[in-house]
């Protein structure tokens, strides 16, 4: 019986060597990466900042639109309140209770004595102001989300009756969030300096700021690298009522 390798009726099976197989895999991956890069770029320069600039412009545009929509919502809410108060059949006790609820919810303006805290990024070329400290890293020179949250939490702890961050009133569902060196609050974008204003007893609010461990840690960076920190007291300050939507959005399980 003849050997199968010598039989003219049976083709010889091609065997891949490990090195040749590895080469084919490398070329296949390279081709896939090239195609993905082309599909993502769509003929543009991936290293260009143009796309990022367009994204930044879009964010700013949406922020302005959200602000205009909030103003419109506030005007409509005032009109609805005025219509509802014409003759709603409520007793004085019920009306007083409703006004108290609106005040606590933050949908009505608030006026009284208070304080304003201003936080500012350090200069980009800042150096250590205290001998022996290491030179600052970029993250040491900017305001972070936890810094703003520390101020807001301390003011609430100090008995604040109401708080606004920049030009927006905070309510129970407000979230202070930072992305990079920008603040995103209730659909609008802000850049430093950041201002946090609270209505309440000025001495109690100032003492709460001083006693906060998180703020004490922030003040170390103020002294070390020049981050901005300023507390102003006011005889009278006015907070706007919250004008955004109060509808809650929450996740729901996917139905099988």
Protein backbone atom coordinates (compact mmCIF):
# COMPACT_ATOMS: atom_id res chain seq x y z
CA UNK A 1 0.00 0.00 0.00
CA UNK A 2 1.44 3.31 -1.08
CA UNK A 3 1.99 6.26 1.25
CA UNK A 4 -0.90 8.82 1.18
CA UNK A 5 1.55 11.69 0.69
CA UNK A 6 2.62 10.14 -2.64
CA UNK A 7 -0.91 9.49 -3.92
CA UNK A 8 -1.88 11.81 -6.83
CA UNK A 9 -5.61 11.52 -5.92
CA UNK A 10 -5.34 13.15 -2.46
CA UNK A 11 -4.24 16.82 -2.17
CA UNK A 12 -1.52 17.70 0.29
CA UNK A 13 -2.91 19.57 3.41
CA UNK A 14 -1.33 23.00 3.90
CA UNK A 15 0.12 23.35 7.38
CA UNK A 16 0.59 26.76 9.02
CA UNK A 17 3.74 27.27 10.99
CA UNK A 18 3.33 29.15 14.32
CA UNK A 19 5.40 32.13 13.10
CA UNK A 20 3.35 32.44 9.89
CA UNK A 21 0.09 32.19 11.85
CA UNK A 22 1.23 34.95 14.23
CA UNK A 23 2.12 37.18 11.27
CA UNK A 24 -1.34 36.77 9.77
CA UNK A 25 -2.99 37.63 13.09
CA UNK A 26 -0.88 40.80 13.44
CA UNK A 27 -1.77 41.96 9.91
CA UNK A 28 -5.46 41.23 10.57
CA UNK A 29 -5.46 43.29 13.77
CA UNK A 30 -3.62 46.12 12.04
CA UNK A 31 -6.23 46.17 9.30
CA UNK A 32 -9.04 46.21 11.84
CA UNK A 33 -7.49 49.12 13.74
CA UNK A 34 -6.97 51.04 10.50
CA UNK A 35 -10.62 50.54 9.53
CA UNK A 36 -11.88 51.60 12.98
CA UNK A 37 -9.69 54.70 12.91
CA UNK A 38 -10.97 55.63 9.46
CA UNK A 39 -14.58 55.02 10.46
CA UNK A 40 -14.17 57.16 13.61
CA UNK A 41 -12.34 60.00 11.91
CA UNK A 42 -14.51 60.08 8.79
CA UNK A 43 -11.65 61.65 6.94
CA UNK A 44 -10.73 64.17 9.67
CA UNK A 45 -7.57 64.58 11.69
CA UNK A 46 -7.99 62.71 14.97
CA UNK A 47 -5.27 64.80 16.61
CA UNK A 48 -6.99 68.05 15.77
CA UNK A 49 -8.79 70.00 18.52
CA UNK A 50 -11.55 71.08 16.14
CA UNK A 51 -13.89 68.30 17.25
CA UNK A 52 -13.34 69.16 20.89
CA UNK A 53 -13.98 72.82 20.16
CA UNK A 54 -17.22 71.94 18.42
CA UNK A 55 -18.24 69.83 21.40
CA UNK A 56 -17.45 72.68 23.78
CA UNK A 57 -19.48 75.09 21.65
CA UNK A 58 -22.38 72.62 21.63
CA UNK A 59 -22.28 72.30 25.43
CA UNK A 60 -22.28 76.08 25.85
CA UNK A 61 -25.15 76.43 23.39
CA UNK A 62 -27.21 73.82 25.21
CA UNK A 63 -26.39 75.50 28.52
CA UNK A 64 -27.74 78.84 27.26
CA UNK A 65 -30.87 77.13 25.94
CA UNK A 66 -31.42 75.40 29.27
CA UNK A 67 -31.03 78.72 31.06
CA UNK A 68 -33.59 80.40 28.79
CA UNK A 69 -35.96 77.46 29.30
CA UNK A 70 -35.57 77.71 33.07
CA UNK A 71 -36.45 81.41 32.92
CA UNK A 72 -39.53 80.62 30.86
CA UNK A 73 -40.53 77.86 33.27
CA UNK A 74 -40.23 80.30 36.15
CA UNK A 75 -42.46 82.85 34.41
CA UNK A 76 -45.06 80.21 33.60
CA UNK A 77 -45.00 78.92 37.17
CA UNK A 78 -45.68 82.44 38.48
CA UNK A 79 -48.59 82.79 36.08
CA UNK A 80 -50.03 79.44 37.17
CA UNK A 81 -49.64 80.38 40.84
CA UNK A 82 -51.39 83.69 40.24
CA UNK A 83 -54.30 81.95 38.51
CA UNK A 84 -54.52 79.31 41.23
CA UNK A 85 -54.71 81.96 43.97
CA UNK A 86 -57.62 83.87 42.43
CA UNK A 87 -60.29 81.67 43.92
CA UNK A 88 -59.20 78.19 44.84
CA UNK A 89 -61.52 77.75 47.79
CA UNK A 90 -58.65 77.17 50.23
CA UNK A 91 -58.75 78.38 53.79
CA UNK A 92 -56.15 80.75 55.18
CA UNK A 93 -54.60 77.89 57.11
CA UNK A 94 -54.27 75.81 53.95
CA UNK A 95 -52.79 78.73 52.03
CA UNK A 96 -50.25 79.35 54.80
CA UNK A 97 -49.30 75.68 54.78
CA UNK A 98 -48.88 75.74 51.00
CA UNK A 99 -46.63 78.82 51.15
CA UNK A 100 -44.52 77.17 53.83
CA UNK A 101 -44.12 74.07 51.67
CA UNK A 102 -43.14 76.19 48.64
CA UNK A 103 -40.58 78.02 50.75
CA UNK A 104 -39.06 74.80 52.03
CA UNK A 105 -39.05 73.32 48.53
CA UNK A 106 -37.05 76.29 47.23
CA UNK A 107 -39.50 77.28 44.50
CA UNK A 108 -40.04 80.74 45.99
CA UNK A 109 -37.53 83.57 46.35
CA UNK A 110 -35.84 84.05 49.70
CA UNK A 111 -34.36 87.18 51.24
CA UNK A 112 -32.34 87.74 54.40
CA UNK A 113 -28.85 88.12 55.82
CA UNK A 114 -26.28 85.65 54.62
CA UNK A 115 -22.81 84.90 53.26
CA UNK A 116 -21.20 84.30 49.87
CA UNK A 117 -18.22 81.97 49.43
CA UNK A 118 -16.06 82.40 46.32
CA UNK A 119 -13.70 79.65 45.15
CA UNK A 120 -11.16 80.31 42.41
CA UNK A 121 -8.57 78.24 40.55
CA UNK A 122 -4.93 79.01 41.26
CA UNK A 123 -2.83 80.57 38.47
CA UNK A 124 -1.64 77.87 36.03
CA UNK A 125 1.98 78.84 36.69
CA UNK A 126 1.61 78.75 40.49
CA UNK A 127 4.46 77.39 42.56
CA UNK A 128 4.68 76.22 46.15
CA UNK A 129 4.27 79.17 48.53
CA UNK A 130 5.65 77.29 51.53
CA UNK A 131 9.30 76.14 51.57
CA UNK A 132 9.75 72.38 51.55
CA UNK A 133 6.47 71.57 49.81
CA UNK A 134 6.55 69.77 46.44
CA UNK A 135 5.69 71.74 43.34
CA UNK A 136 1.98 71.50 42.52
CA UNK A 137 0.47 69.08 40.05
CA UNK A 138 -2.27 70.35 37.69
CA UNK A 139 -4.98 68.84 39.90
CA UNK A 140 -3.67 70.84 42.86
CA UNK A 141 -4.49 74.13 41.12
CA UNK A 142 -8.17 73.69 40.25
CA UNK A 143 -11.45 73.60 42.15
CA UNK A 144 -12.83 70.08 42.45
CA UNK A 145 -16.34 68.79 42.93
CA UNK A 146 -15.64 67.83 46.53
CA UNK A 147 -14.56 71.41 47.29
CA UNK A 148 -17.90 72.83 46.17
CA UNK A 149 -19.78 70.04 47.91
CA UNK A 150 -17.88 70.76 51.12
CA UNK A 151 -18.99 74.40 51.05
CA UNK A 152 -22.62 73.51 50.33
CA UNK A 153 -22.70 70.84 53.03
CA UNK A 154 -21.12 73.16 55.60
CA UNK A 155 -23.65 75.90 54.88
CA UNK A 156 -26.55 73.48 55.29
CA UNK A 157 -24.93 72.29 58.51
CA UNK A 158 -24.75 75.92 59.65
CA UNK A 159 -28.51 76.30 59.35
CA UNK A 160 -28.83 77.86 55.89
CA UNK A 161 -32.46 78.54 54.96
CA UNK A 162 -31.60 78.45 51.27
CA UNK A 163 -28.54 78.21 49.02
CA UNK A 164 -27.76 79.19 45.46
CA UNK A 165 -24.70 78.13 43.46
CA UNK A 166 -23.83 80.71 40.83
CA UNK A 167 -27.30 81.96 39.77
CA UNK A 168 -29.28 78.80 40.53
CA UNK A 169 -31.22 77.89 43.64
CA UNK A 170 -30.53 74.47 45.10
CA UNK A 171 -33.38 72.12 45.95
CA UNK A 172 -33.45 68.64 47.48
CA UNK A 173 -32.70 66.94 44.15
CA UNK A 174 -29.89 69.29 43.05
CA UNK A 175 -26.51 67.69 42.36
CA UNK A 176 -23.27 69.69 42.28
CA UNK A 177 -21.06 67.97 39.69
CA UNK A 178 -17.80 68.98 38.06
CA UNK A 179 -16.40 67.70 34.78
CA UNK A 180 -12.82 68.78 34.31
CA UNK A 181 -12.65 72.40 35.44
CA UNK A 182 -16.30 73.17 34.73
CA UNK A 183 -19.39 72.91 36.90
CA UNK A 184 -22.53 71.25 35.56
CA UNK A 185 -25.57 72.20 37.61
CA UNK A 186 -29.13 71.36 36.60
CA UNK A 187 -28.31 71.23 32.90
CA UNK A 188 -26.19 74.37 32.77
CA UNK A 189 -22.40 74.79 32.57
CA UNK A 190 -20.29 77.22 34.60
CA UNK A 191 -16.61 78.08 34.83
CA UNK A 192 -14.70 79.39 37.87
CA UNK A 193 -14.74 81.50 39.93
CA UNK A 194 -17.59 79.70 41.68
CA UNK A 195 -19.91 81.59 44.03
CA UNK A 196 -22.04 79.88 46.69
CA UNK A 197 -24.51 82.12 48.52
CA UNK A 198 -26.58 81.14 51.57
CA UNK A 199 -29.30 82.92 53.52
CA UNK A 200 -29.15 82.42 57.27
CA UNK A 201 -27.44 83.55 60.44
CA UNK A 202 -24.11 84.91 59.29
CA UNK A 203 -22.16 83.94 62.39
CA UNK A 204 -23.51 80.40 62.39
CA UNK A 205 -22.78 79.98 58.68
CA UNK A 206 -19.22 81.33 59.04
CA UNK A 207 -18.55 79.09 62.05
CA UNK A 208 -19.80 76.05 60.10
CA UNK A 209 -17.41 76.84 57.26
CA UNK A 210 -14.51 77.15 59.68
CA UNK A 211 -15.36 73.89 61.46
CA UNK A 212 -15.64 71.76 58.31
CA UNK A 213 -12.71 69.27 58.04
CA UNK A 214 -13.08 69.17 54.26
CA UNK A 215 -12.78 72.95 54.05
CA UNK A 216 -9.82 72.94 56.42
CA UNK A 217 -8.12 70.56 53.99
CA UNK A 218 -8.98 72.89 51.06
CA UNK A 219 -7.53 75.87 52.95
CA UNK A 220 -4.21 74.03 53.17
CA UNK A 221 -4.05 74.12 49.36
CA UNK A 222 -5.07 77.78 49.47
CA UNK A 223 -2.05 78.53 51.65
CA UNK A 224 0.27 76.18 49.77
CA UNK A 225 -0.53 76.88 46.11
CA UNK A 226 -2.76 79.93 45.92
CA UNK A 227 -6.24 78.56 45.34
CA UNK A 228 -8.86 81.26 45.83
CA UNK A 229 -11.02 81.48 48.96
CA UNK A 230 -13.18 84.43 50.00
CA UNK A 231 -16.11 84.75 52.41
CA UNK A 232 -18.34 87.86 52.21
CA UNK A 233 -21.09 88.64 54.67
CA UNK A 234 -24.30 90.40 53.62
CA UNK A 235 -26.84 92.40 55.56
CA UNK A 236 -29.42 91.38 52.98
CA UNK A 237 -29.20 89.00 50.04
CA UNK A 238 -31.89 87.59 47.75
CA UNK A 239 -32.02 84.04 46.43
CA UNK A 240 -34.17 83.29 43.37
CA UNK A 241 -36.79 80.59 43.44
CA UNK A 242 -35.95 77.36 41.66
CA UNK A 243 -37.36 77.57 38.13
CA UNK A 244 -36.44 74.19 36.67
CA UNK A 245 -38.46 71.02 36.44
CA UNK A 246 -39.26 69.13 39.62
CA UNK A 247 -40.12 65.86 37.90
CA UNK A 248 -38.07 62.91 39.12
CA UNK A 249 -36.43 60.57 36.62
CA UNK A 250 -35.42 57.12 37.73
CA UNK A 251 -34.30 53.83 36.25
CA UNK A 252 -36.73 51.02 35.62
CA UNK A 253 -35.98 47.31 35.20
CA UNK A 254 -36.11 45.97 31.66
CA UNK A 255 -39.16 43.81 31.10
CA UNK A 256 -38.29 40.32 29.76
